[in-house]
PDB file of N, CA and C in Angstrom:
ATOM      1  N   UNK A   1      47.734  40.947 -31.321  1.00  0.00           N
ATOM      2  CA  UNK A   1      46.412  40.734 -32.189  1.00  0.00           C
ATOM      3  C   UNK A   1      45.774  39.359 -31.797  1.00  0.00           C
ATOM      4  N   UNK A   2      46.638  38.512 -32.008  1.00  0.00           N
ATOM      5  CA  UNK A   2      46.126  37.009 -31.814  1.00  0.00           C
ATOM      6  C   UNK A   2      45.293  36.902 -30.612  1.00  0.00           C
ATOM      7  N   UNK A   3      46.163  36.931 -29.709  1.00  0.00           N
ATOM      8  CA  UNK A   3      46.056  36.809 -28.454  1.00  0.00           C
ATOM      9  C   UNK A   3      44.268  37.614 -27.546  1.00  0.00           C
ATOM     10  N   UNK A   4      44.402  38.569 -28.411  1.00  0.00           N
ATOM     11  CA  UNK A   4      42.872  39.296 -27.991  1.00  0.00           C
ATOM     12  C   UNK A   4      41.834  39.030 -28.976  1.00  0.00           C
ATOM     13  N   UNK A   5      41.962  38.716 -30.000  1.00  0.00           N
ATOM     14  CA  UNK A   5      40.641  37.667 -30.716  1.00  0.00           C
ATOM     15  C   UNK A   5      40.235  36.410 -29.946  1.00  0.00           C
ATOM     16  N   UNK A   6      41.653  35.956 -29.726  1.00  0.00           N
ATOM     17  CA  UNK A   6      41.659  34.328 -28.822  1.00  0.00           C
ATOM     18  C   UNK A   6      40.435  34.673 -27.600  1.00  0.00           C
ATOM     19  N   UNK A   7      40.955  35.681 -26.842  1.00  0.00           N
ATOM     20  CA  UNK A   7      40.061  35.701 -25.594  1.00  0.00           C
ATOM     21  C   UNK A   7      38.828  36.623 -25.808  1.00  0.00           C
ATOM     22  N   UNK A   8      38.311  37.393 -26.800  1.00  0.00           N
ATOM     23  CA  UNK A   8      37.283  37.850 -27.260  1.00  0.00           C
ATOM     24  C   UNK A   8      36.226  36.551 -27.511  1.00  0.00           C
ATOM     25  N   UNK A   9      36.736  35.865 -28.336  1.00  0.00           N
ATOM     26  CA  UNK A   9      36.056  34.762 -28.882  1.00  0.00           C
ATOM     27  C   UNK A   9      35.381  33.730 -27.454  1.00  0.00           C
ATOM     28  N   UNK A  10      36.273  33.568 -26.682  1.00  0.00           N
ATOM     29  CA  UNK A  10      36.229  32.915 -25.558  1.00  0.00           C
ATOM     30  C   UNK A  10      35.366  32.933 -24.699  1.00  0.00           C
ATOM     31  N   UNK A  11      35.250  34.489 -24.319  1.00  0.00           N
ATOM     32  CA  UNK A  11      34.406  35.669 -23.435  1.00  0.00           C
ATOM     33  C   UNK A  11      33.010  35.333 -24.126  1.00  0.00           C
ATOM     34  N   UNK A  12      32.932  35.713 -25.786  1.00  0.00           N
ATOM     35  CA  UNK A  12      31.586  35.900 -26.352  1.00  0.00           C
ATOM     36  C   UNK A  12      31.045  34.265 -26.346  1.00  0.00           C
ATOM     37  N   UNK A  13      32.053  33.038 -26.353  1.00  0.00           N
ATOM     38  CA  UNK A  13      31.233  31.787 -26.205  1.00  0.00           C
ATOM     39  C   UNK A  13      30.912  31.589 -24.793  1.00  0.00           C
ATOM     40  N   UNK A  14      31.775  31.745 -23.824  1.00  0.00           N
ATOM     41  CA  UNK A  14      30.869  31.446 -22.573  1.00  0.00           C
ATOM     42  C   UNK A  14      29.923  32.230 -22.246  1.00  0.00           C
ATOM     43  N   UNK A  15      29.429  33.731 -22.719  1.00  0.00           N
ATOM     44  CA  UNK A  15      28.467  34.520 -22.713  1.00  0.00           C
ATOM     45  C   UNK A  15      27.170  33.686 -23.176  1.00  0.00           C
ATOM     46  N   UNK A  16      27.393  33.228 -24.441  1.00  0.00           N
ATOM     47  CA  UNK A  16      26.416  32.779 -25.031  1.00  0.00           C
ATOM     48  C   UNK A  16      25.910  31.602 -24.336  1.00  0.00           C
ATOM     49  N   UNK A  17      27.041  30.637 -23.782  1.00  0.00           N
ATOM     50  CA  UNK A  17      26.806  29.455 -23.035  1.00  0.00           C
ATOM     51  C   UNK A  17      26.207  29.649 -21.668  1.00  0.00           C
ATOM     52  N   UNK A  18      26.264  30.908 -21.140  1.00  0.00           N
ATOM     53  CA  UNK A  18      25.952  31.362 -19.852  1.00  0.00           C
ATOM     54  C   UNK A  18      24.102  31.621 -20.051  1.00  0.00           C
ATOM     55  N   UNK A  19      24.045  32.556 -21.093  1.00  0.00           N
ATOM     56  CA  UNK A  19      22.969  32.982 -21.634  1.00  0.00           C
ATOM     57  C   UNK A  19      21.663  31.953 -21.645  1.00  0.00           C
ATOM     58  N   UNK A  20      22.222  30.972 -22.461  1.00  0.00           N
ATOM     59  CA  UNK A  20      21.604  29.865 -22.718  1.00  0.00           C
ATOM     60  C   UNK A  20      20.769  28.911 -21.681  1.00  0.00           C
ATOM     61  N   UNK A  21      22.110  28.749 -20.643  1.00  0.00           N
ATOM     62  CA  UNK A  21      22.033  27.692 -19.383  1.00  0.00           C
ATOM     63  C   UNK A  21      20.790  28.720 -18.627  1.00  0.00           C
ATOM     64  N   UNK A  22      21.092  30.179 -18.576  1.00  0.00           N
ATOM     65  CA  UNK A  22      20.056  30.977 -17.564  1.00  0.00           C
ATOM     66  C   UNK A  22      18.470  30.770 -18.109  1.00  0.00           C
ATOM     67  N   UNK A  23      18.414  31.018 -19.591  1.00  0.00           N
ATOM     68  CA  UNK A  23      17.270  30.608 -20.189  1.00  0.00           C
ATOM     69  C   UNK A  23      16.513  29.571 -19.905  1.00  0.00           C
ATOM     70  N   UNK A  24      17.418  28.305 -19.916  1.00  0.00           N
ATOM     71  CA  UNK A  24      16.763  26.859 -19.861  1.00  0.00           C
ATOM     72  C   UNK A  24      16.202  27.009 -18.536  1.00  0.00           C
ATOM     73  N   UNK A  25      16.734  27.418 -17.616  1.00  0.00           N
ATOM     74  CA  UNK A  25      16.269  27.183 -16.204  1.00  0.00           C
ATOM     75  C   UNK A  25      15.043  28.036 -16.058  1.00  0.00           C
ATOM     76  N   UNK A  26      15.094  29.269 -16.439  1.00  0.00           N
ATOM     77  CA  UNK A  26      14.227  30.288 -16.761  1.00  0.00           C
ATOM     78  C   UNK A  26      12.755  29.309 -17.291  1.00  0.00           C
ATOM     79  N   UNK A  27      12.870  28.849 -18.292  1.00  0.00           N
ATOM     80  CA  UNK A  27      11.882  27.978 -18.761  1.00  0.00           C
ATOM     81  C   UNK A  27      11.362  26.710 -18.049  1.00  0.00           C
ATOM     82  N   UNK A  28      12.284  26.315 -17.306  1.00  0.00           N
ATOM     83  CA  UNK A  28      11.816  25.360 -16.536  1.00  0.00           C
ATOM     84  C   UNK A  28      11.037  25.586 -15.204  1.00  0.00           C
ATOM     85  N   UNK A  29      11.304  26.793 -14.773  1.00  0.00           N
ATOM     86  CA  UNK A  29      10.376  27.429 -13.686  1.00  0.00           C
ATOM     87  C   UNK A  29       9.337  28.058 -14.060  1.00  0.00           C
ATOM     88  N   UNK A  30       9.007  28.091 -15.399  1.00  0.00           N
ATOM     89  CA  UNK A  30       7.550  28.468 -15.697  1.00  0.00           C
ATOM     90  C   UNK A  30       6.431  27.929 -15.344  1.00  0.00           C
ATOM     91  N   UNK A  31       5.246  28.106 -14.899  1.00  0.00           N
ATOM     92  CA  UNK A  31       4.016  27.338 -14.061  1.00  0.00           C
ATOM     93  C   UNK A  31       3.790  25.919 -15.298  1.00  0.00           C
ATOM     94  N   UNK A  32       3.893  26.392 -16.615  1.00  0.00           N
ATOM     95  CA  UNK A  32       3.426  25.210 -17.383  1.00  0.00           C
ATOM     96  C   UNK A  32       4.285  24.127 -17.328  1.00  0.00           C
ATOM     97  N   UNK A  33       5.578  24.658 -17.350  1.00  0.00           N
ATOM     98  CA  UNK A  33       6.707  23.692 -17.216  1.00  0.00           C
ATOM     99  C   UNK A  33       6.624  22.808 -15.880  1.00  0.00           C
ATOM    100  N   UNK A  34       6.414  23.540 -14.837  1.00  0.00           N
ATOM    101  CA  UNK A  34       6.326  22.971 -13.346  1.00  0.00           C
ATOM    102  C   UNK A  34       5.116  21.985 -13.378  1.00  0.00           C
ATOM    103  N   UNK A  35       4.007  22.607 -14.263  1.00  0.00           N
ATOM    104  CA  UNK A  35       2.940  21.247 -13.990  1.00  0.00           C
ATOM    105  C   UNK A  35       3.032  20.142 -14.921  1.00  0.00           C
ATOM    106  N   UNK A  36       3.918  20.091 -16.032  1.00  0.00           N
ATOM    107  CA  UNK A  36       4.288  19.198 -16.664  1.00  0.00           C
ATOM    108  C   UNK A  36       5.380  18.432 -16.054  1.00  0.00           C
ATOM    109  N   UNK A  37       6.241  18.910 -15.374  1.00  0.00           N
ATOM    110  CA  UNK A  37       6.815  18.067 -14.484  1.00  0.00           C
ATOM    111  C   UNK A  37       6.288  17.331 -13.596  1.00  0.00           C
ATOM    112  N   UNK A  38       5.311  18.080 -12.625  1.00  0.00           N
ATOM    113  CA  UNK A  38       4.763  17.620 -11.458  1.00  0.00           C
ATOM    114  C   UNK A  38       3.706  16.270 -12.102  1.00  0.00           C
ATOM    115  N   UNK A  39       3.163  16.259 -13.064  1.00  0.00           N
ATOM    116  CA  UNK A  39       2.508  15.443 -13.933  1.00  0.00           C
ATOM    117  C   UNK A  39       3.096  14.105 -14.118  1.00  0.00           C
ATOM    118  N   UNK A  40       4.675  14.546 -14.724  1.00  0.00           N
ATOM    119  CA  UNK A  40       5.423  13.435 -15.483  1.00  0.00           C
ATOM    120  C   UNK A  40       6.055  12.568 -13.749  1.00  0.00           C
ATOM    121  N   UNK A  41       6.351  13.343 -12.873  1.00  0.00           N
ATOM    122  CA  UNK A  41       6.644  12.521 -11.688  1.00  0.00           C
ATOM    123  C   UNK A  41       5.519  11.903 -11.157  1.00  0.00           C
ATOM    124  N   UNK A  42       4.366  12.277 -10.860  1.00  0.00           N
ATOM    125  CA  UNK A  42       3.092  11.814 -10.529  1.00  0.00           C
ATOM    126  C   UNK A  42       2.682  10.483 -11.637  1.00  0.00           C
ATOM    127  N   UNK A  43       2.798  10.123 -12.741  1.00  0.00           N
ATOM    128  CA  UNK A  43       2.861   9.094 -13.349  1.00  0.00           C
ATOM    129  C   UNK A  43       4.212   7.867 -12.930  1.00  0.00           C
ATOM    130  N   UNK A  44       5.471   8.701 -13.373  1.00  0.00           N
ATOM    131  CA  UNK A  44       6.332   7.933 -12.736  1.00  0.00           C
ATOM    132  C   UNK A  44       5.967   7.122 -11.362  1.00  0.00           C
ATOM    133  N   UNK A  45       5.381   7.960 -10.430  1.00  0.00           N
ATOM    134  CA  UNK A  45       5.556   7.023  -8.904  1.00  0.00           C
ATOM    135  C   UNK A  45       4.247   6.330  -9.193  1.00  0.00           C
ATOM    136  N   UNK A  46       3.133   6.791 -10.096  1.00  0.00           N
ATOM    137  CA  UNK A  46       2.036   5.503 -10.220  1.00  0.00           C
ATOM    138  C   UNK A  46       2.791   4.357 -10.852  1.00  0.00           C
ATOM    139  N   UNK A  47       3.601   4.336 -11.995  1.00  0.00           N
ATOM    140  CA  UNK A  47       4.157   3.199 -12.339  1.00  0.00           C
ATOM    141  C   UNK A  47       5.195   2.406 -11.280  1.00  0.00           C
ATOM    142  N   UNK A  48       5.572   2.987 -10.790  1.00  0.00           N
ATOM    143  CA  UNK A  48       6.565   2.574  -9.322  1.00  0.00           C
ATOM    144  C   UNK A  48       5.873   1.767  -8.708  1.00  0.00           C
ATOM    145  N   UNK A  49       4.898   2.529  -8.054  1.00  0.00           N
ATOM    146  CA  UNK A  49       3.766   1.859  -7.320  1.00  0.00           C
ATOM    147  C   UNK A  49       3.248   0.587  -7.405  1.00  0.00           C
ATOM    148  N   UNK A  50       2.556   0.768  -9.024  1.00  0.00           N
ATOM    149  CA  UNK A  50       1.964  -0.719  -9.551  1.00  0.00           C
ATOM    150  C   UNK A  50       3.157  -1.908  -9.684  1.00  0.00           C
ATOM    151  N   UNK A  51       4.539  -1.718  -9.897  1.00  0.00           N
ATOM    152  CA  UNK A  51       5.210  -2.147 -10.094  1.00  0.00           C
ATOM    153  C   UNK A  51       5.558  -2.692  -8.571  1.00  0.00           C
ATOM    154  N   UNK A  52       5.492  -2.312  -7.292  1.00  0.00           N
ATOM    155  CA  UNK A  52       5.989  -2.558  -6.438  1.00  0.00           C
ATOM    156  C   UNK A  52       4.758  -3.200  -5.669  1.00  0.00           C
ATOM    157  N   UNK A  53       3.594  -3.135  -6.390  1.00  0.00           N
ATOM    158  CA  UNK A  53       2.108  -4.226  -5.678  1.00  0.00           C
ATOM    159  C   UNK A  53       2.504  -5.509  -6.755  1.00  0.00           C
ATOM    160  N   UNK A  54       2.909  -5.311  -7.643  1.00  0.00           N
ATOM    161  CA  UNK A  54       2.840  -6.513  -8.381  1.00  0.00           C
ATOM    162  C   UNK A  54       4.127  -7.419  -7.930  1.00  0.00           C
ATOM    163  N   UNK A  55       5.305  -6.882  -7.532  1.00  0.00           N
ATOM    164  CA  UNK A  55       6.469  -7.411  -6.880  1.00  0.00           C
ATOM    165  C   UNK A  55       5.955  -8.033  -5.653  1.00  0.00           C
ATOM    166  N   UNK A  56       5.319  -7.418  -4.648  1.00  0.00           N
ATOM    167  CA  UNK A  56       4.599  -7.903  -3.386  1.00  0.00           C
ATOM    168  C   UNK A  56       3.596  -9.151  -3.596  1.00  0.00           C
ATOM    169  N   UNK A  57       2.648  -9.136  -4.846  1.00  0.00           N
ATOM    170  CA  UNK A  57       1.904 -10.020  -4.721  1.00  0.00           C
ATOM    171  C   UNK A  57       2.919 -11.683  -5.402  1.00  0.00           C
ATOM    172  N   UNK A  58       3.318 -11.382  -6.255  1.00  0.00           N
ATOM    173  CA  UNK A  58       4.440 -12.135  -6.755  1.00  0.00           C
ATOM    174  C   UNK A  58       5.256 -13.013  -5.282  1.00  0.00           C
ATOM    175  N   UNK A  59       5.646 -12.219  -4.436  1.00  0.00           N
ATOM    176  CA  UNK A  59       6.356 -12.661  -3.224  1.00  0.00           C
ATOM    177  C   UNK A  59       5.548 -13.437  -2.674  1.00  0.00           C
ATOM    178  N   UNK A  60       4.326 -12.707  -2.187  1.00  0.00           N
ATOM    179  CA  UNK A  60       3.225 -13.730  -1.502  1.00  0.00           C
ATOM    180  C   UNK A  60       2.883 -14.929  -2.077  1.00  0.00           C
ATOM    181  N   UNK A  61       2.756 -15.156  -3.161  1.00  0.00           N
ATOM    182  CA  UNK A  61       2.534 -15.940  -3.874  1.00  0.00           C
ATOM    183  C   UNK A  61       3.580 -17.236  -3.697  1.00  0.00           C
ATOM    184  N   UNK A  62       4.823 -16.931  -4.032  1.00  0.00           N
ATOM    185  CA  UNK A  62       5.988 -17.596  -3.611  1.00  0.00           C
ATOM    186  C   UNK A  62       5.926 -17.885  -2.138  1.00  0.00           C
ATOM    187  N   UNK A  63       5.533 -17.272  -1.226  1.00  0.00           N
ATOM    188  CA  UNK A  63       5.782 -17.138   0.099  1.00  0.00           C
ATOM    189  C   UNK A  63       4.528 -18.415   0.481  1.00  0.00           C
ATOM    190  N   UNK A  64       3.462 -18.412  -0.157  1.00  0.00           N
ATOM    191  CA  UNK A  64       2.385 -19.087   0.042  1.00  0.00           C
ATOM    192  C   UNK A  64       2.705 -20.734  -0.358  1.00  0.00           C
ATOM    193  N   UNK A  65       3.345 -20.551  -1.418  1.00  0.00           N
ATOM    194  CA  UNK A  65       3.894 -21.928  -1.967  1.00  0.00           C
ATOM    195  C   UNK A  65       4.782 -22.536  -1.204  1.00  0.00           C
ATOM    196  N   UNK A  66       5.979 -21.668  -0.551  1.00  0.00           N
ATOM    197  CA  UNK A  66       6.742 -22.360   0.300  1.00  0.00           C
ATOM    198  C   UNK A  66       6.191 -22.833   1.373  1.00  0.00           C
ATOM    199  N   UNK A  67       5.050 -22.191   2.266  1.00  0.00           N
ATOM    200  CA  UNK A  67       4.546 -22.765   3.510  1.00  0.00           C
ATOM    201  C   UNK A  67       3.975 -23.798   2.991  1.00  0.00           C
ATOM    202  N   UNK A  68       3.017 -24.077   1.960  1.00  0.00           N
ATOM    203  CA  UNK A  68       2.330 -25.193   1.641  1.00  0.00           C
ATOM    204  C   UNK A  68       3.331 -26.336   1.355  1.00  0.00           C
ATOM    205  N   UNK A  69       4.223 -26.187   0.877  1.00  0.00           N
ATOM    206  CA  UNK A  69       5.468 -27.239   0.652  1.00  0.00           C
ATOM    207  C   UNK A  69       5.827 -27.663   2.124  1.00  0.00           C
ATOM    208  N   UNK A  70       6.222 -26.578   2.919  1.00  0.00           N
ATOM    209  CA  UNK A  70       6.682 -27.067   4.238  1.00  0.00           C
ATOM    210  C   UNK A  70       5.521 -28.058   5.014  1.00  0.00           C
ATOM    211  N   UNK A  71       4.051 -27.032   4.944  1.00  0.00           N
ATOM    212  CA  UNK A  71       3.122 -27.887   5.860  1.00  0.00           C
ATOM    213  C   UNK A  71       2.469 -29.208   5.107  1.00  0.00           C
ATOM    214  N   UNK A  72       3.147 -29.446   3.984  1.00  0.00           N
ATOM    215  CA  UNK A  72       2.588 -30.477   3.238  1.00  0.00           C
ATOM    216  C   UNK A  72       1.209 -30.107   2.900  1.00  0.00           C
ATOM    217  N   UNK A  73       0.680 -29.126   2.359  1.00  0.00           N
ATOM    218  CA  UNK A  73      -0.523 -29.022   1.869  1.00  0.00           C
ATOM    219  C   UNK A  73      -0.785 -28.877   0.424  1.00  0.00           C
ATOM    220  N   UNK A  74       0.303 -29.403  -0.201  1.00  0.00           N
ATOM    221  CA  UNK A  74       0.289 -29.430  -1.729  1.00  0.00           C
ATOM    222  C   UNK A  74      -0.930 -30.130  -2.189  1.00  0.00           C
ATOM    223  N   UNK A  75      -1.440 -29.755  -3.073  1.00  0.00           N
ATOM    224  CA  UNK A  75      -2.239 -30.881  -3.823  1.00  0.00           C
ATOM    225  C   UNK A  75      -3.874 -30.777  -3.214  1.00  0.00           C
ATOM    226  N   UNK A  76      -4.224 -29.787  -2.339  1.00  0.00           N
ATOM    227  CA  UNK A  76      -5.491 -30.170  -1.454  1.00  0.00           C
ATOM    228  C   UNK A  76      -6.311 -28.782  -2.532  1.00  0.00           C
ATOM    229  N   UNK A  77      -6.514 -28.986  -3.572  1.00  0.00           N
ATOM    230  CA  UNK A  77      -7.408 -28.160  -4.460  1.00  0.00           C
ATOM    231  C   UNK A  77      -8.995 -28.133  -4.181  1.00  0.00           C
ATOM    232  N   UNK A  78      -9.543 -29.314  -3.054  1.00  0.00           N
ATOM    233  CA  UNK A  78     -10.808 -29.110  -2.979  1.00  0.00           C
ATOM    234  C   UNK A  78     -11.001 -28.385  -1.882  1.00  0.00           C
ATOM    235  N   UNK A  79     -12.130 -28.096  -2.249  1.00  0.00           N
ATOM    236  CA  UNK A  79     -12.970 -26.547  -1.415  1.00  0.00           C
ATOM    237  C   UNK A  79     -13.290 -27.586   0.168  1.00  0.00           C
ATOM    238  N   UNK A  80     -12.960 -26.466   1.165  1.00  0.00           N
ATOM    239  CA  UNK A  80     -13.008 -27.092   2.329  1.00  0.00           C
ATOM    240  C   UNK A  80     -14.345 -26.519   3.110  1.00  0.00           C
ATOM    241  N   UNK A  81     -15.097 -27.455   3.477  1.00  0.00           N
ATOM    242  CA  UNK A  81     -16.140 -26.789   3.822  1.00  0.00           C
ATOM    243  C   UNK A  81     -16.248 -26.430   5.132  1.00  0.00           C
ATOM    244  N   UNK A  82     -16.977 -25.090   5.319  1.00  0.00           N
ATOM    245  CA  UNK A  82     -16.957 -24.385   6.920  1.00  0.00           C
ATOM    246  C   UNK A  82     -17.927 -24.833   7.461  1.00  0.00           C
ATOM    247  N   UNK A  83     -17.757 -24.818   8.590  1.00  0.00           N
ATOM    248  CA  UNK A  83     -19.045 -25.455   9.789  1.00  0.00           C
ATOM    249  C   UNK A  83     -20.271 -24.190   9.603  1.00  0.00           C
ATOM    250  N   UNK A  84     -21.458 -25.111  10.305  1.00  0.00           N
ATOM    251  CA  UNK A  84     -22.278 -24.175   9.874  1.00  0.00           C
ATOM    252  C   UNK A  84     -22.740 -22.992  10.591  1.00  0.00           C
ATOM    253  N   UNK A  85     -23.369 -22.116  10.440  1.00  0.00           N
ATOM    254  CA  UNK A  85     -23.431 -20.962  11.453  1.00  0.00           C
ATOM    255  C   UNK A  85     -24.388 -21.238  12.657  1.00  0.00           C
ATOM    256  N   UNK A  86     -23.465 -20.946  13.812  1.00  0.00           N
ATOM    257  CA  UNK A  86     -24.512 -21.194  15.120  1.00  0.00           C
ATOM    258  C   UNK A  86     -25.837 -20.476  15.093  1.00  0.00           C
ATOM    259  N   UNK A  87     -26.693 -21.022  15.637  1.00  0.00           N
ATOM    260  CA  UNK A  87     -28.488 -20.539  15.743  1.00  0.00           C
ATOM    261  C   UNK A  87     -28.295 -19.545  16.591  1.00  0.00           C
ATOM    262  N   UNK A  88     -29.427 -18.848  16.807  1.00  0.00           N
ATOM    263  CA  UNK A  88     -29.333 -17.734  17.939  1.00  0.00           C
ATOM    264  C   UNK A  88     -29.309 -18.263  19.229  1.00  0.00           C
ATOM    265  N   UNK A  89     -30.381 -19.557  19.216  1.00  0.00           N
ATOM    266  CA  UNK A  89     -30.261 -20.697  20.498  1.00  0.00           C
ATOM    267  C   UNK A  89     -29.193 -21.069  21.236  1.00  0.00           C
ATOM    268  N   UNK A  90     -28.078 -21.231  20.174  1.00  0.00           N
ATOM    269  CA  UNK A  90     -27.087 -21.585  20.866  1.00  0.00           C
ATOM    270  C   UNK A  90     -25.906 -20.610  21.487  1.00  0.00           C
ATOM    271  N   UNK A  91     -26.421 -19.459  20.699  1.00  0.00           N
ATOM    272  CA  UNK A  91     -25.527 -18.188  21.414  1.00  0.00           C
ATOM    273  C   UNK A  91     -26.082 -18.020  23.003  1.00  0.00           C
ATOM    274  N   UNK A  92     -27.187 -18.026  23.137  1.00  0.00           N
ATOM    275  CA  UNK A  92     -27.927 -18.132  24.372  1.00  0.00           C
ATOM    276  C   UNK A  92     -27.712 -18.821  25.434  1.00  0.00           C
ATOM    277  N   UNK A  93     -27.082 -20.360  24.806  1.00  0.00           N
ATOM    278  CA  UNK A  93     -27.005 -21.333  25.949  1.00  0.00           C
ATOM    279  C   UNK A  93     -25.871 -20.945  27.074  1.00  0.00           C
ATOM    280  N   UNK A  94     -25.064 -20.372  26.489  1.00  0.00           N
ATOM    281  CA  UNK A  94     -23.661 -20.053  27.555  1.00  0.00           C
ATOM    282  C   UNK A  94     -24.313 -19.146  28.915  1.00  0.00           C
ATOM    283  N   UNK A  95     -25.524 -18.430  28.805  1.00  0.00           N
ATOM    284  CA  UNK A  95     -25.855 -17.985  30.134  1.00  0.00           C
ATOM    285  C   UNK A  95     -26.145 -18.659  31.370  1.00  0.00           C
ATOM    286  N   UNK A  96     -25.642 -18.476  32.185  1.00  0.00           N
ATOM    287  CA  UNK A  96     -25.887 -19.295  33.521  1.00  0.00           C
ATOM    288  C   UNK A  96     -27.258 -18.937  34.308  1.00  0.00           C
ATOM    289  N   UNK A  97     -27.904 -20.345  34.282  1.00  0.00           N
ATOM    290  CA  UNK A  97     -29.291 -20.536  35.129  1.00  0.00           C
ATOM    291  C   UNK A  97     -28.852 -20.411  36.365  1.00  0.00           C
ATOM    292  N   UNK A  98     -29.710 -19.676  37.072  1.00  0.00           N
ATOM    293  CA  UNK A  98     -29.598 -19.296  38.523  1.00  0.00           C
ATOM    294  C   UNK A  98     -31.186 -19.653  39.306  1.00  0.00           C
ATOM    295  N   UNK A  99     -31.295 -19.920  40.091  1.00  0.00           N
ATOM    296  CA  UNK A  99     -32.456 -19.984  41.039  1.00  0.00           C
ATOM    297  C   UNK A  99     -32.263 -18.734  41.700  1.00  0.00           C
ATOM    298  N   UNK A 100     -33.634 -18.151  41.989  1.00  0.00           N
ATOM    299  CA  UNK A 100     -33.984 -17.231  42.910  1.00  0.00           C
ATOM    300  C   UNK A 100     -34.408 -17.672  44.335  1.00  0.00           C
ATOM    301  N   UNK A 101     -33.936 -17.376  45.376  1.00  0.00           N
ATOM    302  CA  UNK A 101     -34.269 -17.776  46.520  1.00  0.00           C
ATOM    303  C   UNK A 101     -35.696 -17.174  46.933  1.00  0.00           C
ATOM    304  N   UNK A 102     -36.536 -18.055  47.306  1.00  0.00           N
ATOM    305  CA  UNK A 102     -37.950 -17.726  47.809  1.00  0.00           C
ATOM    306  C   UNK A 102     -38.535 -18.055  46.378  1.00  0.00           C
ATOM    307  N   UNK A 103     -38.183 -17.980  45.343  1.00  0.00           N
ATOM    308  CA  UNK A 103     -38.868 -18.363  43.965  1.00  0.00           C
ATOM    309  C   UNK A 103     -38.612 -19.553  43.209  1.00  0.00           C
ATOM    310  N   UNK A 104     -39.682 -20.453  43.588  1.00  0.00           N
ATOM    311  CA  UNK A 104     -39.080 -21.767  42.844  1.00  0.00           C
ATOM    312  C   UNK A 104     -38.916 -21.418  41.310  1.00  0.00           C
ATOM    313  N   UNK A 105     -38.276 -22.479  40.724  1.00  0.00           N
ATOM    314  CA  UNK A 105     -38.109 -22.465  39.141  1.00  0.00           C
ATOM    315  C   UNK A 105     -36.392 -21.759  38.632  1.00  0.00           C
ATOM    316  N   UNK A 106     -36.258 -21.966  37.645  1.00  0.00           N
ATOM    317  CA  UNK A 106     -35.242 -21.420  36.703  1.00  0.00           C
ATOM    318  C   UNK A 106     -35.574 -20.019  36.642  1.00  0.00           C
ATOM    319  N   UNK A 107     -34.734 -19.063  36.874  1.00  0.00           N
ATOM    320  CA  UNK A 107     -34.503 -17.612  36.028  1.00  0.00           C
ATOM    321  C   UNK A 107     -33.630 -17.738  34.718  1.00  0.00           C
ATOM    322  N   UNK A 108     -33.815 -16.233  34.042  1.00  0.00           N
ATOM    323  CA  UNK A 108     -32.874 -16.324  32.951  1.00  0.00           C
ATOM    324  C   UNK A 108     -31.312 -15.837  33.779  1.00  0.00           C
ATOM    325  N   UNK A 109     -30.825 -15.286  32.560  1.00  0.00           N
ATOM    326  CA  UNK A 109     -29.242 -15.166  32.811  1.00  0.00           C
ATOM    327  C   UNK A 109     -29.221 -13.818  34.079  1.00  0.00           C
ATOM    328  N   UNK A 110     -28.101 -14.082  34.906  1.00  0.00           N
ATOM    329  CA  UNK A 110     -27.808 -13.389  35.931  1.00  0.00           C
ATOM    330  C   UNK A 110     -27.307 -11.743  35.729  1.00  0.00           C
ATOM    331  N   UNK A 111     -26.877 -11.422  34.553  1.00  0.00           N
ATOM    332  CA  UNK A 111     -26.678 -10.225  34.268  1.00  0.00           C
ATOM    333  C   UNK A 111     -25.037 -10.112  34.314  1.00  0.00           C
ATOM    334  N   UNK A 112     -24.472 -11.070  34.821  1.00  0.00           N
ATOM    335  CA  UNK A 112     -22.895 -11.092  35.319  1.00  0.00           C
ATOM    336  C   UNK A 112     -22.218 -11.856  34.515  1.00  0.00           C
ATOM    337  N   UNK A 113     -22.426 -12.205  33.138  1.00  0.00           N
ATOM    338  CA  UNK A 113     -21.968 -13.073  32.165  1.00  0.00           C
ATOM    339  C   UNK A 113     -20.722 -12.537  31.868  1.00  0.00           C
ATOM    340  N   UNK A 114     -19.539 -13.255  31.892  1.00  0.00           N
ATOM    341  CA  UNK A 114     -18.087 -12.880  31.405  1.00  0.00           C
ATOM    342  C   UNK A 114     -17.927 -12.876  29.770  1.00  0.00           C
ATOM    343  N   UNK A 115     -18.817 -11.870  29.051  1.00  0.00           N
ATOM    344  CA  UNK A 115     -18.874 -11.482  27.613  1.00  0.00           C
ATOM    345  C   UNK A 115     -18.612 -10.427  27.236  1.00  0.00           C
TER     346      UNK A 115
END
């Protein structure tokens, strides 16, 4: 009799455990639950991407510091002045000037420029 009660109780406990497990899985597959899971994953991915970007910035700063040390550029905090922009006339000065046979004087660009 004791053996029958033991197996009955064991079977009932296994049935309750399996039923609870199935219900939990079904709740996870409901549309509201799936949407919440997707939102949680999106937030988690956003945090990971932000951390990755911060790590990349820190690595860039470290590498820039290493390169500045290696090139001896430490302590050049003054702004470097850039050259003035070229004028339009300076851009056109690279055209070749040719003489046209039979016509005196200089003419404009040949149309055969390599640019």
